[in-house]
Structure formats: structure tokens, C-alpha cells
Amino acid sequence: QVQLVESGGGLVQPGGSLRLSCSASGFTFSNYFLSWYRQAPGKQRELVAIITNSDYTNISDTVKGRFTASRDNAKNMVYLQMNSLKFEDTAVYYCNAWRPALVGVEAYWGQGTQVTVSS
């Protein structure tokens, strides 16, 4: 059974930091691209970061310089380190694992973790 479980969200003041974690099971983790998305109330889901299966990382311009993403294939974990958080970073953050399939992509999603930036 495939599972992606995010953790580490919460309430933080502007300028603070949070580290999100995503634990994966039920599939060959190292073969998959990993992504972090977020969705704020009333907005579309937004791509935050991608980590390829060769460990290349691409961070959205919106959060570049503040967020970093990493993966640990030995632990089947993916992380999102968020620094200098702003009000506009408030969203539900989702972990996503995907790889190309014969038709389209094979993708899995976590249930999301809420990040609220508030004073």
C-alpha cells in the first residue's frame, strides 16, 4: 500500500522556520521524482520544489533563497526546510511522488500538512 505522510506543519510567526517531513512507503522511493506543492485558501495548488531521482533540486522562484528541499533515499524521506516565513506562505503543503508511466505519469500524494504564518 502506497503511503505518503507529511508532518511538521504548524503555527509560526513571520520570520520563523519550519521543517516539513514526508515519509514514504509502498513503492521504490529512489526511482521517483519528489515534489512539494502548497495550496492556499481560494488559490490553485502551486509547485514549490522538485527533487529528481538523481537528486537535482529546483525551487520555485516564489520561495527561492528561503526554502530548500532534500531527500534521503535510505530513509524514504523527503524534507522541506522553510526559513524566513512570510504571511503568504500560509497554505496546506503536500508531498508528491511521481514518475513517467507508459501513458502519463504514476503519481502519489500525501494528505497535506497545514502551515500557518501569523503574528
PDB file of N, CA and C in Angstrom:
ATOM      1  N   GLN A   1       0.850  -1.193   0.000  1.00  0.00           N
ATOM      2  CA  GLN A   1       0.000   0.000   0.000  1.00  0.00           C
ATOM      3  C   GLN A   1       0.886   1.242   0.000  1.00  0.00           C
ATOM      4  N   VAL A   2       0.661   2.100  -0.965  1.00  0.00           N
ATOM      5  CA  VAL A   2       1.448   3.322  -1.076  1.00  0.00           C
ATOM      6  C   VAL A   2       0.967   4.343  -0.063  1.00  0.00           C
ATOM      7  N   GLN A   3       1.931   4.929   0.642  1.00  0.00           N
ATOM      8  CA  GLN A   3       1.599   5.993   1.588  1.00  0.00           C
ATOM      9  C   GLN A   3       2.634   7.089   1.540  1.00  0.00           C
ATOM     10  N   LEU A   4       2.151   8.318   1.590  1.00  0.00           N
ATOM     11  CA  LEU A   4       2.980   9.496   1.793  1.00  0.00           C
ATOM     12  C   LEU A   4       2.363  10.243   2.962  1.00  0.00           C
ATOM     13  N   VAL A   5       3.150  10.471   3.993  1.00  0.00           N
ATOM     14  CA  VAL A   5       2.623  11.097   5.199  1.00  0.00           C
ATOM     15  C   VAL A   5       3.477  12.308   5.555  1.00  0.00           C
ATOM     16  N   GLU A   6       2.875  13.485   5.456  1.00  0.00           N
ATOM     17  CA  GLU A   6       3.578  14.720   5.793  1.00  0.00           C
ATOM     18  C   GLU A   6       3.457  14.999   7.292  1.00  0.00           C
ATOM     19  N   SER A   7       4.457  15.687   7.807  1.00  0.00           N
ATOM     20  CA  SER A   7       4.428  16.137   9.193  1.00  0.00           C
ATOM     21  C   SER A   7       5.283  17.391   9.323  1.00  0.00           C
ATOM     22  N   GLY A   8       5.146  18.055  10.464  1.00  0.00           N
ATOM     23  CA  GLY A   8       5.992  19.206  10.742  1.00  0.00           C
ATOM     24  C   GLY A   8       5.322  20.545  10.548  1.00  0.00           C
ATOM     25  N   GLY A   9       4.097  20.552  10.068  1.00  0.00           N
ATOM     26  CA  GLY A   9       3.395  21.819   9.921  1.00  0.00           C
ATOM     27  C   GLY A   9       2.997  22.398  11.268  1.00  0.00           C
ATOM     28  N   GLY A  10       2.500  23.615  11.227  1.00  0.00           N
ATOM     29  CA  GLY A  10       2.072  24.249  12.464  1.00  0.00           C
ATOM     30  C   GLY A  10       1.953  25.744  12.311  1.00  0.00           C
ATOM     31  N   LEU A  11       1.873  26.397  13.461  1.00  0.00           N
ATOM     32  CA  LEU A  11       1.753  27.850  13.517  1.00  0.00           C
ATOM     33  C   LEU A  11       3.124  28.453  13.809  1.00  0.00           C
ATOM     34  N   VAL A  12       3.507  29.426  13.019  1.00  0.00           N
ATOM     35  CA  VAL A  12       4.819  30.055  13.191  1.00  0.00           C
ATOM     36  C   VAL A  12       4.675  31.551  12.927  1.00  0.00           C
ATOM     37  N   GLN A  13       5.495  32.330  13.594  1.00  0.00           N
ATOM     38  CA  GLN A  13       5.477  33.778  13.387  1.00  0.00           C
ATOM     39  C   GLN A  13       6.243  34.145  12.122  1.00  0.00           C
ATOM     40  N   PRO A  14       5.918  35.279  11.537  1.00  0.00           N
ATOM     41  CA  PRO A  14       6.696  35.736  10.373  1.00  0.00           C
ATOM     42  C   PRO A  14       8.174  35.816  10.716  1.00  0.00           C
ATOM     43  N   GLY A  15       8.987  35.360   9.773  1.00  0.00           N
ATOM     44  CA  GLY A  15      10.419  35.312  10.002  1.00  0.00           C
ATOM     45  C   GLY A  15      10.903  34.009  10.606  1.00  0.00           C
ATOM     46  N   GLY A  16       9.985  33.185  11.036  1.00  0.00           N
ATOM     47  CA  GLY A  16      10.352  31.916  11.654  1.00  0.00           C
ATOM     48  C   GLY A  16      10.641  30.827  10.639  1.00  0.00           C
ATOM     49  N   SER A  17      10.895  29.645  11.173  1.00  0.00           N
ATOM     50  CA  SER A  17      11.263  28.500  10.335  1.00  0.00           C
ATOM     51  C   SER A  17      10.441  27.274  10.696  1.00  0.00           C
ATOM     52  N   LEU A  18      10.256  26.440   9.728  1.00  0.00           N
ATOM     53  CA  LEU A  18       9.650  25.127   9.927  1.00  0.00           C
ATOM     54  C   LEU A  18      10.336  24.140   9.004  1.00  0.00           C
ATOM     55  N   ARG A  19      10.372  22.896   9.426  1.00  0.00           N
ATOM     56  CA  ARG A  19      10.882  21.834   8.569  1.00  0.00           C
ATOM     57  C   ARG A  19       9.778  20.799   8.384  1.00  0.00           C
ATOM     58  N   LEU A  20       9.338  20.661   7.169  1.00  0.00           N
ATOM     59  CA  LEU A  20       8.346  19.652   6.859  1.00  0.00           C
ATOM     60  C   LEU A  20       9.042  18.355   6.479  1.00  0.00           C
ATOM     61  N   SER A  21       8.432  17.265   6.876  1.00  0.00           N
ATOM     62  CA  SER A  21       8.939  15.942   6.521  1.00  0.00           C
ATOM     63  C   SER A  21       7.841  15.161   5.818  1.00  0.00           C
ATOM     64  N   CYS A  22       8.245  14.269   4.956  1.00  0.00           N
ATOM     65  CA  CYS A  22       7.297  13.383   4.280  1.00  0.00           C
ATOM     66  C   CYS A  22       7.889  11.982   4.276  1.00  0.00           C
ATOM     67  N   SER A  23       7.163  11.082   4.882  1.00  0.00           N
ATOM     68  CA  SER A  23       7.593   9.691   4.961  1.00  0.00           C
ATOM     69  C   SER A  23       6.872   8.885   3.893  1.00  0.00           C
ATOM     70  N   ALA A  24       7.625   8.098   3.135  1.00  0.00           N
ATOM     71  CA  ALA A  24       7.051   7.340   2.031  1.00  0.00           C
ATOM     72  C   ALA A  24       7.184   5.845   2.272  1.00  0.00           C
ATOM     73  N   SER A  25       6.200   5.094   1.788  1.00  0.00           N
ATOM     74  CA  SER A  25       6.260   3.637   1.878  1.00  0.00           C
ATOM     75  C   SER A  25       5.401   3.025   0.780  1.00  0.00           C
ATOM     76  N   GLY A  26       5.694   1.782   0.439  1.00  0.00           N
ATOM     77  CA  GLY A  26       4.863   1.054  -0.502  1.00  0.00           C
ATOM     78  C   GLY A  26       5.282   1.155  -1.959  1.00  0.00           C
ATOM     79  N   PHE A  27       6.405   1.829  -2.217  1.00  0.00           N
ATOM     80  CA  PHE A  27       6.906   1.917  -3.586  1.00  0.00           C
ATOM     81  C   PHE A  27       8.422   2.127  -3.534  1.00  0.00           C
ATOM     82  N   THR A  28       9.059   1.970  -4.692  1.00  0.00           N
ATOM     83  CA  THR A  28      10.526   2.093  -4.756  1.00  0.00           C
ATOM     84  C   THR A  28      10.882   3.573  -4.793  1.00  0.00           C
ATOM     85  N   PHE A  29      11.077   4.117  -3.626  1.00  0.00           N
ATOM     86  CA  PHE A  29      11.212   5.557  -3.416  1.00  0.00           C
ATOM     87  C   PHE A  29      12.281   6.182  -4.306  1.00  0.00           C
ATOM     88  N   SER A  30      13.425   5.520  -4.398  1.00  0.00           N
ATOM     89  CA  SER A  30      14.565   6.114  -5.112  1.00  0.00           C
ATOM     90  C   SER A  30      14.304   6.282  -6.605  1.00  0.00           C
ATOM     91  N   ASN A  31      13.312   5.617  -7.138  1.00  0.00           N
ATOM     92  CA  ASN A  31      13.019   5.708  -8.567  1.00  0.00           C
ATOM     93  C   ASN A  31      12.140   6.893  -8.925  1.00  0.00           C
ATOM     94  N   TYR A  32      11.625   7.563  -7.921  1.00  0.00           N
ATOM     95  CA  TYR A  32      10.613   8.582  -8.149  1.00  0.00           C
ATOM     96  C   TYR A  32      11.162   9.992  -7.994  1.00  0.00           C
ATOM     97  N   PHE A  33      10.589  10.895  -8.795  1.00  0.00           N
ATOM     98  CA  PHE A  33      10.764  12.314  -8.565  1.00  0.00           C
ATOM     99  C   PHE A  33       9.885  12.677  -7.359  1.00  0.00           C
ATOM    100  N   LEU A  34      10.331  13.634  -6.598  1.00  0.00           N
ATOM    101  CA  LEU A  34       9.573  14.085  -5.436  1.00  0.00           C
ATOM    102  C   LEU A  34       9.298  15.573  -5.551  1.00  0.00           C
ATOM    103  N   SER A  35       8.125  15.966  -5.150  1.00  0.00           N
ATOM    104  CA  SER A  35       7.758  17.373  -5.229  1.00  0.00           C
ATOM    105  C   SER A  35       7.049  17.803  -3.951  1.00  0.00           C
ATOM    106  N   TRP A  36       7.163  19.069  -3.667  1.00  0.00           N
ATOM    107  CA  TRP A  36       6.351  19.717  -2.642  1.00  0.00           C
ATOM    108  C   TRP A  36       5.455  20.730  -3.352  1.00  0.00           C
ATOM    109  N   TYR A  37       4.176  20.666  -3.022  1.00  0.00           N
ATOM    110  CA  TYR A  37       3.202  21.625  -3.502  1.00  0.00           C
ATOM    111  C   TYR A  37       2.581  22.314  -2.293  1.00  0.00           C
ATOM    112  N   ARG A  38       1.922  23.416  -2.556  1.00  0.00           N
ATOM    113  CA  ARG A  38       1.134  24.052  -1.500  1.00  0.00           C
ATOM    114  C   ARG A  38      -0.133  24.637  -2.110  1.00  0.00           C
ATOM    115  N   GLN A  39      -1.128  24.742  -1.266  1.00  0.00           N
ATOM    116  CA  GLN A  39      -2.391  25.321  -1.705  1.00  0.00           C
ATOM    117  C   GLN A  39      -2.929  26.219  -0.608  1.00  0.00           C
ATOM    118  N   ALA A  40      -3.028  27.484  -0.939  1.00  0.00           N
ATOM    119  CA  ALA A  40      -3.593  28.467  -0.013  1.00  0.00           C
ATOM    120  C   ALA A  40      -5.093  28.548  -0.242  1.00  0.00           C
ATOM    121  N   PRO A  41      -5.844  29.006   0.754  1.00  0.00           N
ATOM    122  CA  PRO A  41      -7.305  29.111   0.606  1.00  0.00           C
ATOM    123  C   PRO A  41      -7.686  29.946  -0.608  1.00  0.00           C
ATOM    124  N   GLY A  42      -8.550  29.393  -1.438  1.00  0.00           N
ATOM    125  CA  GLY A  42      -9.029  30.119  -2.598  1.00  0.00           C
ATOM    126  C   GLY A  42      -8.063  30.193  -3.757  1.00  0.00           C
ATOM    127  N   LYS A  43      -6.943  29.503  -3.649  1.00  0.00           N
ATOM    128  CA  LYS A  43      -5.940  29.542  -4.716  1.00  0.00           C
ATOM    129  C   LYS A  43      -5.678  28.153  -5.266  1.00  0.00           C
ATOM    130  N   GLN A  44      -5.076  28.114  -6.451  1.00  0.00           N
ATOM    131  CA  GLN A  44      -4.715  26.838  -7.057  1.00  0.00           C
ATOM    132  C   GLN A  44      -3.486  26.245  -6.371  1.00  0.00           C
ATOM    133  N   ARG A  45      -3.365  24.953  -6.477  1.00  0.00           N
ATOM    134  CA  ARG A  45      -2.185  24.285  -5.938  1.00  0.00           C
ATOM    135  C   ARG A  45      -0.957  24.765  -6.706  1.00  0.00           C
ATOM    136  N   GLU A  46       0.086  25.034  -5.962  1.00  0.00           N
ATOM    137  CA  GLU A  46       1.296  25.653  -6.510  1.00  0.00           C
ATOM    138  C   GLU A  46       2.500  24.760  -6.246  1.00  0.00           C
ATOM    139  N   LEU A  47       3.318  24.569  -7.276  1.00  0.00           N
ATOM    140  CA  LEU A  47       4.536  23.787  -7.119  1.00  0.00           C
ATOM    141  C   LEU A  47       5.578  24.610  -6.366  1.00  0.00           C
ATOM    142  N   VAL A  48       6.159  24.020  -5.338  1.00  0.00           N
ATOM    143  CA  VAL A  48       7.156  24.696  -4.515  1.00  0.00           C
ATOM    144  C   VAL A  48       8.564  24.196  -4.825  1.00  0.00           C
ATOM    145  N   ALA A  49       8.722  22.875  -4.937  1.00  0.00           N
ATOM    146  CA  ALA A  49      10.058  22.311  -5.145  1.00  0.00           C
ATOM    147  C   ALA A  49       9.956  20.952  -5.806  1.00  0.00           C
ATOM    148  N   ILE A  50      10.979  20.638  -6.574  1.00  0.00           N
ATOM    149  CA  ILE A  50      11.106  19.319  -7.192  1.00  0.00           C
ATOM    150  C   ILE A  50      12.489  18.773  -6.879  1.00  0.00           C
ATOM    151  N   ILE A  51      12.549  17.481  -6.545  1.00  0.00           N
ATOM    152  CA  ILE A  51      13.829  16.800  -6.386  1.00  0.00           C
ATOM    153  C   ILE A  51      13.784  15.586  -7.300  1.00  0.00           C
ATOM    154  N   THR A  52      14.697  15.534  -8.244  1.00  0.00           N
ATOM    155  CA  THR A  52      14.682  14.411  -9.171  1.00  0.00           C
ATOM    156  C   THR A  52      15.252  13.154  -8.512  1.00  0.00           C
ATOM    157  N   ASN A  53      15.162  12.043  -9.227  1.00  0.00           N
ATOM    158  CA  ASN A  53      15.691  10.792  -8.686  1.00  0.00           C
ATOM    159  C   ASN A  53      17.217  10.772  -8.732  1.00  0.00           C
ATOM    160  N   SER A  54      17.829  11.762  -9.370  1.00  0.00           N
ATOM    161  CA  SER A  54      19.281  11.919  -9.310  1.00  0.00           C
ATOM    162  C   SER A  54      19.675  13.067  -8.396  1.00  0.00           C
ATOM    163  N   ASP A  55      18.730  13.510  -7.584  1.00  0.00           N
ATOM    164  CA  ASP A  55      18.978  14.478  -6.514  1.00  0.00           C
ATOM    165  C   ASP A  55      19.178  15.904  -7.009  1.00  0.00           C
ATOM    166  N   TYR A  56      18.774  16.184  -8.238  1.00  0.00           N
ATOM    167  CA  TYR A  56      18.760  17.575  -8.691  1.00  0.00           C
ATOM    168  C   TYR A  56      17.528  18.246  -8.102  1.00  0.00           C
ATOM    169  N   THR A  57      17.723  19.457  -7.583  1.00  0.00           N
ATOM    170  CA  THR A  57      16.632  20.173  -6.925  1.00  0.00           C
ATOM    171  C   THR A  57      16.320  21.482  -7.650  1.00  0.00           C
ATOM    172  N   ASN A  58      15.048  21.740  -7.803  1.00  0.00           N
ATOM    173  CA  ASN A  58      14.616  23.013  -8.385  1.00  0.00           C
ATOM    174  C   ASN A  58      13.576  23.624  -7.458  1.00  0.00           C
ATOM    175  N   ILE A  59      13.808  24.859  -7.094  1.00  0.00           N
ATOM    176  CA  ILE A  59      12.936  25.560  -6.159  1.00  0.00           C
ATOM    177  C   ILE A  59      12.192  26.667  -6.891  1.00  0.00           C
ATOM    178  N   SER A  60      10.920  26.808  -6.590  1.00  0.00           N
ATOM    179  CA  SER A  60      10.117  27.866  -7.193  1.00  0.00           C
ATOM    180  C   SER A  60      10.721  29.239  -6.903  1.00  0.00           C
ATOM    181  N   ASP A  61      10.649  30.129  -7.871  1.00  0.00           N
ATOM    182  CA  ASP A  61      11.166  31.483  -7.680  1.00  0.00           C
ATOM    183  C   ASP A  61      10.481  32.179  -6.517  1.00  0.00           C
ATOM    184  N   THR A  62       9.238  31.793  -6.236  1.00  0.00           N
ATOM    185  CA  THR A  62       8.473  32.420  -5.159  1.00  0.00           C
ATOM    186  C   THR A  62       9.133  32.224  -3.801  1.00  0.00           C
ATOM    187  N   VAL A  63       9.810  31.125  -3.625  1.00  0.00           N
ATOM    188  CA  VAL A  63      10.393  30.804  -2.319  1.00  0.00           C
ATOM    189  C   VAL A  63      11.904  30.596  -2.377  1.00  0.00           C
ATOM    190  N   LYS A  64      12.483  30.799  -3.552  1.00  0.00           N
ATOM    191  CA  LYS A  64      13.925  30.575  -3.701  1.00  0.00           C
ATOM    192  C   LYS A  64      14.699  31.483  -2.753  1.00  0.00           C
ATOM    193  N   GLY A  65      15.709  30.925  -2.122  1.00  0.00           N
ATOM    194  CA  GLY A  65      16.509  31.663  -1.159  1.00  0.00           C
ATOM    195  C   GLY A  65      15.993  31.532   0.255  1.00  0.00           C
ATOM    196  N   ARG A  66      14.770  31.029   0.409  1.00  0.00           N
ATOM    197  CA  ARG A  66      14.180  30.833   1.742  1.00  0.00           C
ATOM    198  C   ARG A  66      13.891  29.366   2.026  1.00  0.00           C
ATOM    199  N   PHE A  67      13.525  28.632   0.997  1.00  0.00           N
ATOM    200  CA  PHE A  67      13.176  27.218   1.153  1.00  0.00           C
ATOM    201  C   PHE A  67      14.245  26.353   0.497  1.00  0.00           C
ATOM    202  N   THR A  68      14.504  25.218   1.104  1.00  0.00           N
ATOM    203  CA  THR A  68      15.332  24.196   0.485  1.00  0.00           C
ATOM    204  C   THR A  68      14.627  22.848   0.614  1.00  0.00           C
ATOM    205  N   ALA A  69      14.892  21.976  -0.338  1.00  0.00           N
ATOM    206  CA  ALA A  69      14.286  20.652  -0.331  1.00  0.00           C
ATOM    207  C   ALA A  69      15.378  19.607  -0.426  1.00  0.00           C
ATOM    208  N   SER A  70      15.133  18.480   0.214  1.00  0.00           N
ATOM    209  CA  SER A  70      16.114  17.404   0.170  1.00  0.00           C
ATOM    210  C   SER A  70      15.410  16.064   0.317  1.00  0.00           C
ATOM    211  N   ARG A  71      16.120  15.016  -0.026  1.00  0.00           N
ATOM    212  CA  ARG A  71      15.571  13.666   0.105  1.00  0.00           C
ATOM    213  C   ARG A  71      16.616  12.760   0.736  1.00  0.00           C
ATOM    214  N   ASP A  72      16.146  11.741   1.397  1.00  0.00           N
ATOM    215  CA  ASP A  72      17.016  10.726   1.977  1.00  0.00           C
ATOM    216  C   ASP A  72      16.485   9.378   1.512  1.00  0.00           C
ATOM    217  N   ASN A  73      17.116   8.829   0.495  1.00  0.00           N
ATOM    218  CA  ASN A  73      16.610   7.578  -0.078  1.00  0.00           C
ATOM    219  C   ASN A  73      16.762   6.411   0.883  1.00  0.00           C
ATOM    220  N   ALA A  74      17.735   6.480   1.759  1.00  0.00           N
ATOM    221  CA  ALA A  74      17.933   5.388   2.724  1.00  0.00           C
ATOM    222  C   ALA A  74      16.782   5.322   3.724  1.00  0.00           C
ATOM    223  N   LYS A  75      16.170   6.477   3.997  1.00  0.00           N
ATOM    224  CA  LYS A  75      15.082   6.539   4.977  1.00  0.00           C
ATOM    225  C   LYS A  75      13.712   6.705   4.325  1.00  0.00           C
ATOM    226  N   ASN A  76      13.689   6.801   3.006  1.00  0.00           N
ATOM    227  CA  ASN A  76      12.422   7.060   2.295  1.00  0.00           C
ATOM    228  C   ASN A  76      11.744   8.328   2.805  1.00  0.00           C
ATOM    229  N   MET A  77      12.550   9.371   2.921  1.00  0.00           N
ATOM    230  CA  MET A  77      12.060  10.633   3.464  1.00  0.00           C
ATOM    231  C   MET A  77      12.369  11.776   2.511  1.00  0.00           C
ATOM    232  N   VAL A  78      11.494  12.748   2.505  1.00  0.00           N
ATOM    233  CA  VAL A  78      11.743  13.990   1.783  1.00  0.00           C
ATOM    234  C   VAL A  78      11.422  15.141   2.726  1.00  0.00           C
ATOM    235  N   TYR A  79      12.192  16.220   2.594  1.00  0.00           N
ATOM    236  CA  TYR A  79      12.101  17.327   3.533  1.00  0.00           C
ATOM    237  C   TYR A  79      11.928  18.646   2.799  1.00  0.00           C
ATOM    238  N   LEU A  80      11.293  19.568   3.486  1.00  0.00           N
ATOM    239  CA  LEU A  80      11.216  20.946   3.007  1.00  0.00           C
ATOM    240  C   LEU A  80      11.573  21.857   4.177  1.00  0.00           C
ATOM    241  N   GLN A  81      12.734  22.468   4.094  1.00  0.00           N
ATOM    242  CA  GLN A  81      13.160  23.427   5.109  1.00  0.00           C
ATOM    243  C   GLN A  81      12.695  24.809   4.692  1.00  0.00           C
ATOM    244  N   MET A  82      11.907  25.434   5.548  1.00  0.00           N
ATOM    245  CA  MET A  82      11.319  26.738   5.234  1.00  0.00           C
ATOM    246  C   MET A  82      11.831  27.771   6.232  1.00  0.00           C
ATOM    247  N   ASN A  83      12.534  28.744   5.740  1.00  0.00           N
ATOM    248  CA  ASN A  83      13.079  29.813   6.572  1.00  0.00           C
ATOM    249  C   ASN A  83      12.474  31.152   6.174  1.00  0.00           C
ATOM    250  N   SER A  84      12.627  32.113   7.046  1.00  0.00           N
ATOM    251  CA  SER A  84      12.130  33.474   6.781  1.00  0.00           C
ATOM    252  C   SER A  84      10.689  33.447   6.281  1.00  0.00           C
ATOM    253  N   LEU A  85       9.865  32.736   6.997  1.00  0.00           N
ATOM    254  CA  LEU A  85       8.491  32.543   6.554  1.00  0.00           C
ATOM    255  C   LEU A  85       7.710  33.850   6.540  1.00  0.00           C
ATOM    256  N   LYS A  86       6.829  33.947   5.557  1.00  0.00           N
ATOM    257  CA  LYS A  86       6.010  35.130   5.370  1.00  0.00           C
ATOM    258  C   LYS A  86       4.535  34.758   5.492  1.00  0.00           C
ATOM    259  N   PHE A  87       3.704  35.762   5.710  1.00  0.00           N
ATOM    260  CA  PHE A  87       2.261  35.519   5.800  1.00  0.00           C
ATOM    261  C   PHE A  87       1.778  34.736   4.578  1.00  0.00           C
ATOM    262  N   GLU A  88       2.290  35.090   3.415  1.00  0.00           N
ATOM    263  CA  GLU A  88       1.812  34.473   2.181  1.00  0.00           C
ATOM    264  C   GLU A  88       2.276  33.035   1.984  1.00  0.00           C
ATOM    265  N   ASP A  89       3.080  32.526   2.898  1.00  0.00           N
ATOM    266  CA  ASP A  89       3.459  31.112   2.860  1.00  0.00           C
ATOM    267  C   ASP A  89       2.404  30.230   3.522  1.00  0.00           C
ATOM    268  N   THR A  90       1.406  30.849   4.127  1.00  0.00           N
ATOM    269  CA  THR A  90       0.336  30.090   4.753  1.00  0.00           C
ATOM    270  C   THR A  90      -0.394  29.254   3.709  1.00  0.00           C
ATOM    271  N   ALA A  91      -0.447  27.953   3.932  1.00  0.00           N
ATOM    272  CA  ALA A  91      -1.055  27.034   2.965  1.00  0.00           C
ATOM    273  C   ALA A  91      -1.035  25.620   3.543  1.00  0.00           C
ATOM    274  N   VAL A  92      -1.735  24.737   2.864  1.00  0.00           N
ATOM    275  CA  VAL A  92      -1.555  23.311   3.109  1.00  0.00           C
ATOM    276  C   VAL A  92      -0.446  22.840   2.179  1.00  0.00           C
ATOM    277  N   TYR A  93       0.532  22.161   2.744  1.00  0.00           N
ATOM    278  CA  TYR A  93       1.686  21.692   1.975  1.00  0.00           C
ATOM    279  C   TYR A  93       1.556  20.190   1.733  1.00  0.00           C
ATOM    280  N   TYR A  94       1.761  19.808   0.481  1.00  0.00           N
ATOM    281  CA  TYR A  94       1.584  18.430   0.061  1.00  0.00           C
ATOM    282  C   TYR A  94       2.887  17.851  -0.487  1.00  0.00           C
ATOM    283  N   CYS A  95       3.108  16.614  -0.152  1.00  0.00           N
ATOM    284  CA  CYS A  95       4.218  15.848  -0.696  1.00  0.00           C
ATOM    285  C   CYS A  95       3.691  15.025  -1.873  1.00  0.00           C
ATOM    286  N   ASN A  96       4.482  14.929  -2.912  1.00  0.00           N
ATOM    287  CA  ASN A  96       4.074  14.229  -4.131  1.00  0.00           C
ATOM    288  C   ASN A  96       5.245  13.410  -4.657  1.00  0.00           C
ATOM    289  N   ALA A  97       4.961  12.169  -5.027  1.00  0.00           N
ATOM    290  CA  ALA A  97       5.973  11.317  -5.649  1.00  0.00           C
ATOM    291  C   ALA A  97       5.454  10.919  -7.023  1.00  0.00           C
ATOM    292  N   TRP A  98       6.299  11.003  -8.030  1.00  0.00           N
ATOM    293  CA  TRP A  98       5.817  10.688  -9.376  1.00  0.00           C
ATOM    294  C   TRP A  98       6.956  10.206 -10.256  1.00  0.00           C
ATOM    295  N   ARG A  99       6.551   9.465 -11.304  1.00  0.00           N
ATOM    296  CA  ARG A  99       7.498   9.070 -12.332  1.00  0.00           C
ATOM    297  C   ARG A  99       6.735   8.897 -13.635  1.00  0.00           C
ATOM    298  N   PRO A 100       7.430   9.025 -14.730  1.00  0.00           N
ATOM    299  CA  PRO A 100       6.752   8.835 -16.024  1.00  0.00           C
ATOM    300  C   PRO A 100       6.234   7.403 -16.144  1.00  0.00           C
ATOM    301  N   ALA A 101       5.074   7.249 -16.730  1.00  0.00           N
ATOM    302  CA  ALA A 101       4.496   5.937 -16.996  1.00  0.00           C
ATOM    303  C   ALA A 101       4.362   5.772 -18.509  1.00  0.00           C
ATOM    304  N   LEU A 102       3.912   4.609 -18.910  1.00  0.00           N
ATOM    305  CA  LEU A 102       3.727   4.392 -20.349  1.00  0.00           C
ATOM    306  C   LEU A 102       2.758   5.426 -20.927  1.00  0.00           C
ATOM    307  N   VAL A 103       1.750   5.739 -20.138  1.00  0.00           N
ATOM    308  CA  VAL A 103       0.818   6.793 -20.529  1.00  0.00           C
ATOM    309  C   VAL A 103       0.705   7.748 -19.343  1.00  0.00           C
ATOM    310  N   GLY A 104       1.130   8.959 -19.539  1.00  0.00           N
ATOM    311  CA  GLY A 104       1.034   9.941 -18.459  1.00  0.00           C
ATOM    312  C   GLY A 104       2.082   9.721 -17.385  1.00  0.00           C
ATOM    313  N   VAL A 105       1.681   9.923 -16.143  1.00  0.00           N
ATOM    314  CA  VAL A 105       2.586   9.734 -15.012  1.00  0.00           C
ATOM    315  C   VAL A 105       1.909   8.868 -13.960  1.00  0.00           C
ATOM    316  N   GLU A 106       2.750   8.227 -13.166  1.00  0.00           N
ATOM    317  CA  GLU A 106       2.294   7.493 -11.985  1.00  0.00           C
ATOM    318  C   GLU A 106       2.585   8.402 -10.804  1.00  0.00           C
ATOM    319  N   ALA A 107       1.580   8.786 -10.074  1.00  0.00           N
ATOM    320  CA  ALA A 107       1.768   9.798  -9.033  1.00  0.00           C
ATOM    321  C   ALA A 107       1.037   9.424  -7.755  1.00  0.00           C
ATOM    322  N   TYR A 108       1.644   9.797  -6.652  1.00  0.00           N
ATOM    323  CA  TYR A 108       1.063   9.588  -5.326  1.00  0.00           C
ATOM    324  C   TYR A 108       1.115  10.901  -4.552  1.00  0.00           C
ATOM    325  N   TRP A 109       0.125  11.091  -3.678  1.00  0.00           N
ATOM    326  CA  TRP A 109       0.022  12.316  -2.896  1.00  0.00           C
ATOM    327  C   TRP A 109      -0.142  12.000  -1.420  1.00  0.00           C
ATOM    328  N   GLY A 110       0.403  12.870  -0.598  1.00  0.00           N
ATOM    329  CA  GLY A 110       0.118  12.819   0.823  1.00  0.00           C
ATOM    330  C   GLY A 110      -1.163  13.572   1.129  1.00  0.00           C
ATOM    331  N   GLN A 111      -1.535  13.558   2.401  1.00  0.00           N
ATOM    332  CA  GLN A 111      -2.798  14.181   2.808  1.00  0.00           C
ATOM    333  C   GLN A 111      -2.636  15.669   3.101  1.00  0.00           C
ATOM    334  N   GLY A 112      -1.390  16.118   3.194  1.00  0.00           N
ATOM    335  CA  GLY A 112      -1.127  17.532   3.428  1.00  0.00           C
ATOM    336  C   GLY A 112      -0.899  17.861   4.885  1.00  0.00           C
ATOM    337  N   THR A 113      -0.154  18.927   5.104  1.00  0.00           N
ATOM    338  CA  THR A 113       0.070  19.439   6.456  1.00  0.00           C
ATOM    339  C   THR A 113      -0.084  20.953   6.414  1.00  0.00           C
ATOM    340  N   GLN A 114      -0.785  21.492   7.394  1.00  0.00           N
ATOM    341  CA  GLN A 114      -1.107  22.916   7.407  1.00  0.00           C
ATOM    342  C   GLN A 114       0.064  23.722   7.968  1.00  0.00           C
ATOM    343  N   VAL A 115       0.426  24.748   7.245  1.00  0.00           N
ATOM    344  CA  VAL A 115       1.404  25.727   7.721  1.00  0.00           C
ATOM    345  C   VAL A 115       0.695  27.078   7.803  1.00  0.00           C
ATOM    346  N   THR A 116       0.723  27.662   8.985  1.00  0.00           N
ATOM    347  CA  THR A 116       0.090  28.956   9.193  1.00  0.00           C
ATOM    348  C   THR A 116       1.135  29.937   9.714  1.00  0.00           C
ATOM    349  N   VAL A 117       1.320  31.012   8.974  1.00  0.00           N
ATOM    350  CA  VAL A 117       2.256  32.051   9.385  1.00  0.00           C
ATOM    351  C   VAL A 117       1.431  33.228   9.877  1.00  0.00           C
ATOM    352  N   SER A 118       1.552  33.495  11.152  1.00  0.00           N
ATOM    353  CA  SER A 118       0.724  34.531  11.758  1.00  0.00           C
ATOM    354  C   SER A 118       1.420  35.114  12.981  1.00  0.00           C
ATOM    355  N   SER A 119       1.171  36.382  13.213  1.00  0.00           N
ATOM    356  CA  SER A 119       1.725  37.017  14.403  1.00  0.00           C
ATOM    357  C   SER A 119       0.680  37.024  15.525  1.00  0.00           C
TER     358      SER A 119
END
